[in-house]
Amino acid sequence: MKLICTLCLLLLGSTVLFAQTKTGYINFQQMISMMPESKLASDTLNSLQERLNKDGQQLIEEYSRKVKELDSAGNMSPAMVEVKSAELKSAQANIQRYREISEQTMSAREQALLTPILNKAKGILKAVANEKGYTLVIDNSRDAVLVSADTDDLMPAVKVKMGIK
């Protein structure tokens, strides 16, 4: 009898706990894209990408010039052909190394710019969720949730918190 009473109390207690769960959703990517800091970060990254592409193009032009130089020199000695071929291989290696460094530079800059934006967005969302009494907020920007019970969209409340209309 004691066991039955204990089980009933546990069942009743767990039902009360589950009943208190309030779930909402938000398109987190859309939220981030609406933030003014996001536009500034995007412009900064685009500017950096353009500069890196311009510098990389100079290396490619230098390589092309060396290829034309080797092709146009018909009566070069074998030693000179070997030297020019080595220069071409070196130029190719420089281009590849530059691409790798450019990718690392872009990745590091993107991380440095986006981390504070993501942290701010999470802070705003957490504040809204706490104010409204939500215990679970689902990001629906990746369509990871296929089926769910009725939940509330937190985007309007987040827009108010961010000062966006």
Protein backbone atom coordinates (compact mmCIF):
# COMPACT_ATOMS: atom_id res chain seq x y z
CA MET A 1 0.00 0.00 0.00
CA LYS A 2 2.85 2.33 0.86
CA LEU A 3 4.44 1.57 -2.53
CA ILE A 4 1.22 2.38 -4.38
CA CYS A 5 0.89 5.71 -2.57
CA THR A 6 4.52 6.56 -3.35
CA LEU A 7 4.05 5.73 -7.05
CA CYS A 8 0.88 7.82 -7.21
CA LEU A 9 2.66 10.78 -5.63
CA LEU A 10 5.59 10.42 -8.05
CA LEU A 11 3.23 10.22 -11.01
CA LEU A 12 1.27 13.24 -9.84
CA GLY A 13 4.50 15.18 -9.17
CA SER A 14 5.95 14.42 -12.60
CA THR A 15 2.69 15.43 -14.25
CA VAL A 16 2.82 18.78 -12.47
CA LEU A 17 6.43 19.26 -13.52
CA PHE A 18 5.65 18.51 -17.16
CA ALA A 19 2.63 20.78 -17.10
CA GLN A 20 4.84 23.71 -16.09
CA THR A 21 7.07 23.44 -19.16
CA LYS A 22 6.48 26.34 -21.54
CA THR A 23 8.00 26.05 -25.01
CA GLY A 24 8.61 28.73 -27.60
CA TYR A 25 10.47 28.99 -30.88
CA ILE A 26 12.46 31.52 -32.85
CA ASN A 27 14.30 31.68 -36.14
CA PHE A 28 17.71 32.42 -34.62
CA GLN A 29 19.39 33.14 -37.97
CA GLN A 30 16.71 35.70 -38.80
CA MET A 31 17.13 37.25 -35.36
CA ILE A 32 20.87 37.63 -35.88
CA SER A 33 20.45 39.05 -39.38
CA MET A 34 18.16 41.78 -37.99
CA MET A 35 20.81 42.99 -35.56
CA PRO A 36 22.69 46.14 -36.69
CA GLU A 37 25.97 44.56 -35.57
CA SER A 38 25.39 41.74 -38.05
CA LYS A 39 25.27 44.14 -41.01
CA LEU A 40 28.48 45.83 -39.87
CA ALA A 41 30.21 42.46 -39.47
CA SER A 42 29.04 41.37 -42.92
CA ASP A 43 30.34 44.59 -44.51
CA THR A 44 33.69 44.18 -42.72
CA LEU A 45 34.02 40.57 -43.88
CA ASN A 46 33.10 41.49 -47.47
CA SER A 47 35.73 44.25 -47.46
CA LEU A 48 38.38 41.86 -46.14
CA GLN A 49 37.43 39.25 -48.75
CA GLU A 50 37.79 41.82 -51.54
CA ARG A 51 41.27 42.84 -50.32
CA LEU A 52 42.39 39.23 -50.04
CA ASN A 53 41.06 38.45 -53.52
CA LYS A 54 42.86 41.49 -54.96
CA ASP A 55 46.16 40.43 -53.40
CA GLY A 56 45.65 36.85 -54.57
CA GLN A 57 44.94 38.09 -58.09
CA GLN A 58 48.35 39.80 -58.10
CA LEU A 59 50.02 36.47 -57.35
CA ILE A 60 48.06 34.81 -60.17
CA GLU A 61 49.03 37.58 -62.59
CA GLU A 62 52.68 37.16 -61.63
CA TYR A 63 52.40 33.41 -62.24
CA SER A 64 50.75 34.01 -65.64
CA ARG A 65 53.53 36.43 -66.59
CA LYS A 66 56.15 33.81 -65.74
CA VAL A 67 54.32 31.16 -67.79
CA LYS A 68 54.21 33.48 -70.82
CA GLU A 69 57.87 34.32 -70.33
CA LEU A 70 58.82 30.65 -70.33
CA ASP A 71 56.62 29.90 -73.35
CA SER A 72 57.95 32.81 -75.41
CA ALA A 73 61.64 32.10 -74.82
CA GLY A 74 62.28 29.51 -77.53
CA ASN A 75 66.07 29.33 -77.47
CA MET A 76 66.66 29.17 -73.73
CA SER A 77 69.41 26.96 -72.42
CA PRO A 78 68.31 23.83 -70.51
CA ALA A 79 69.71 25.32 -67.30
CA MET A 80 67.62 28.48 -67.75
CA VAL A 81 64.50 26.41 -68.52
CA GLU A 82 65.10 24.52 -65.28
CA VAL A 83 65.47 27.77 -63.33
CA LYS A 84 62.29 29.21 -64.87
CA SER A 85 60.39 25.97 -64.18
CA ALA A 86 61.49 26.14 -60.56
CA GLU A 87 60.23 29.73 -60.41
CA LEU A 88 56.85 28.54 -61.74
CA LYS A 89 56.63 25.81 -59.12
CA SER A 90 57.52 28.33 -56.45
CA ALA A 91 54.87 30.74 -57.72
CA GLN A 92 52.28 27.92 -57.67
CA ALA A 93 53.24 27.06 -54.11
CA ASN A 94 52.96 30.73 -53.14
CA ILE A 95 49.46 30.91 -54.60
CA GLN A 96 48.39 27.79 -52.71
CA ARG A 97 49.94 29.02 -49.47
CA TYR A 98 48.24 32.40 -49.91
CA ARG A 99 44.85 30.71 -50.39
CA GLU A 100 45.32 28.73 -47.19
CA ILE A 101 46.40 31.81 -45.24
CA SER A 102 43.47 33.80 -46.69
CA GLU A 103 40.98 31.14 -45.61
CA GLN A 104 42.47 31.08 -42.11
CA THR A 105 42.39 34.88 -41.94
CA MET A 106 38.74 35.00 -43.04
CA SER A 107 37.76 32.28 -40.61
CA ALA A 108 39.52 33.97 -37.68
CA ARG A 109 38.03 37.37 -38.51
CA GLU A 110 34.55 35.89 -38.91
CA GLN A 111 34.88 34.16 -35.54
CA ALA A 112 36.09 37.37 -33.89
CA LEU A 113 33.21 39.40 -35.33
CA LEU A 114 30.38 36.90 -34.88
CA THR A 115 31.12 35.59 -31.38
CA PRO A 116 30.05 38.81 -29.61
CA ILE A 117 26.97 39.07 -31.85
CA LEU A 118 25.94 35.50 -31.07
CA ASN A 119 26.52 36.05 -27.36
CA LYS A 120 24.42 39.22 -27.40
CA ALA A 121 21.63 37.47 -29.33
CA LYS A 122 21.63 34.56 -26.89
CA GLY A 123 21.54 37.01 -23.97
CA ILE A 124 18.56 38.87 -25.44
CA LEU A 125 16.74 35.62 -26.17
CA LYS A 126 17.45 34.30 -22.68
CA ALA A 127 16.16 37.53 -21.13
CA VAL A 128 12.96 37.39 -23.19
CA ALA A 129 12.46 33.71 -22.38
CA ASN A 130 12.91 34.39 -18.67
CA GLU A 131 10.58 37.39 -18.74
CA LYS A 132 7.87 35.39 -20.51
CA GLY A 133 8.36 32.23 -18.43
CA TYR A 134 9.68 29.92 -21.18
CA THR A 135 11.70 26.94 -20.07
CA LEU A 136 12.56 25.76 -23.59
CA VAL A 137 13.18 27.74 -26.78
CA ILE A 138 13.65 25.90 -30.06
CA ASP A 139 15.61 27.31 -33.01
CA ASN A 140 13.49 26.65 -36.08
CA SER A 141 15.91 28.21 -38.59
CA ARG A 142 17.37 24.82 -39.47
CA ASP A 143 14.05 22.96 -39.76
CA ALA A 144 15.30 20.46 -37.19
CA VAL A 145 11.91 20.25 -35.51
CA LEU A 146 9.55 18.45 -37.83
CA VAL A 147 6.55 18.09 -35.55
CA SER A 148 5.76 19.82 -32.30
CA ALA A 149 2.84 20.85 -30.18
CA ASP A 150 1.61 24.42 -30.36
CA THR A 151 4.32 26.79 -29.20
CA ASP A 152 4.79 30.54 -29.17
CA ASP A 153 6.91 32.52 -31.62
CA LEU A 154 9.29 34.70 -29.60
CA MET A 155 10.40 36.87 -32.55
CA PRO A 156 7.97 39.75 -31.79
CA ALA A 157 9.13 39.94 -28.16
CA VAL A 158 12.78 39.76 -29.20
CA LYS A 159 12.29 42.55 -31.74
CA VAL A 160 10.86 44.73 -28.99
CA LYS A 161 13.81 43.89 -26.73
CA MET A 162 16.28 44.79 -29.54
CA GLY A 163 14.39 47.98 -30.37
CA ILE A 164 13.48 46.82 -33.89
CA LYS A 165 10.00 47.40 -35.30
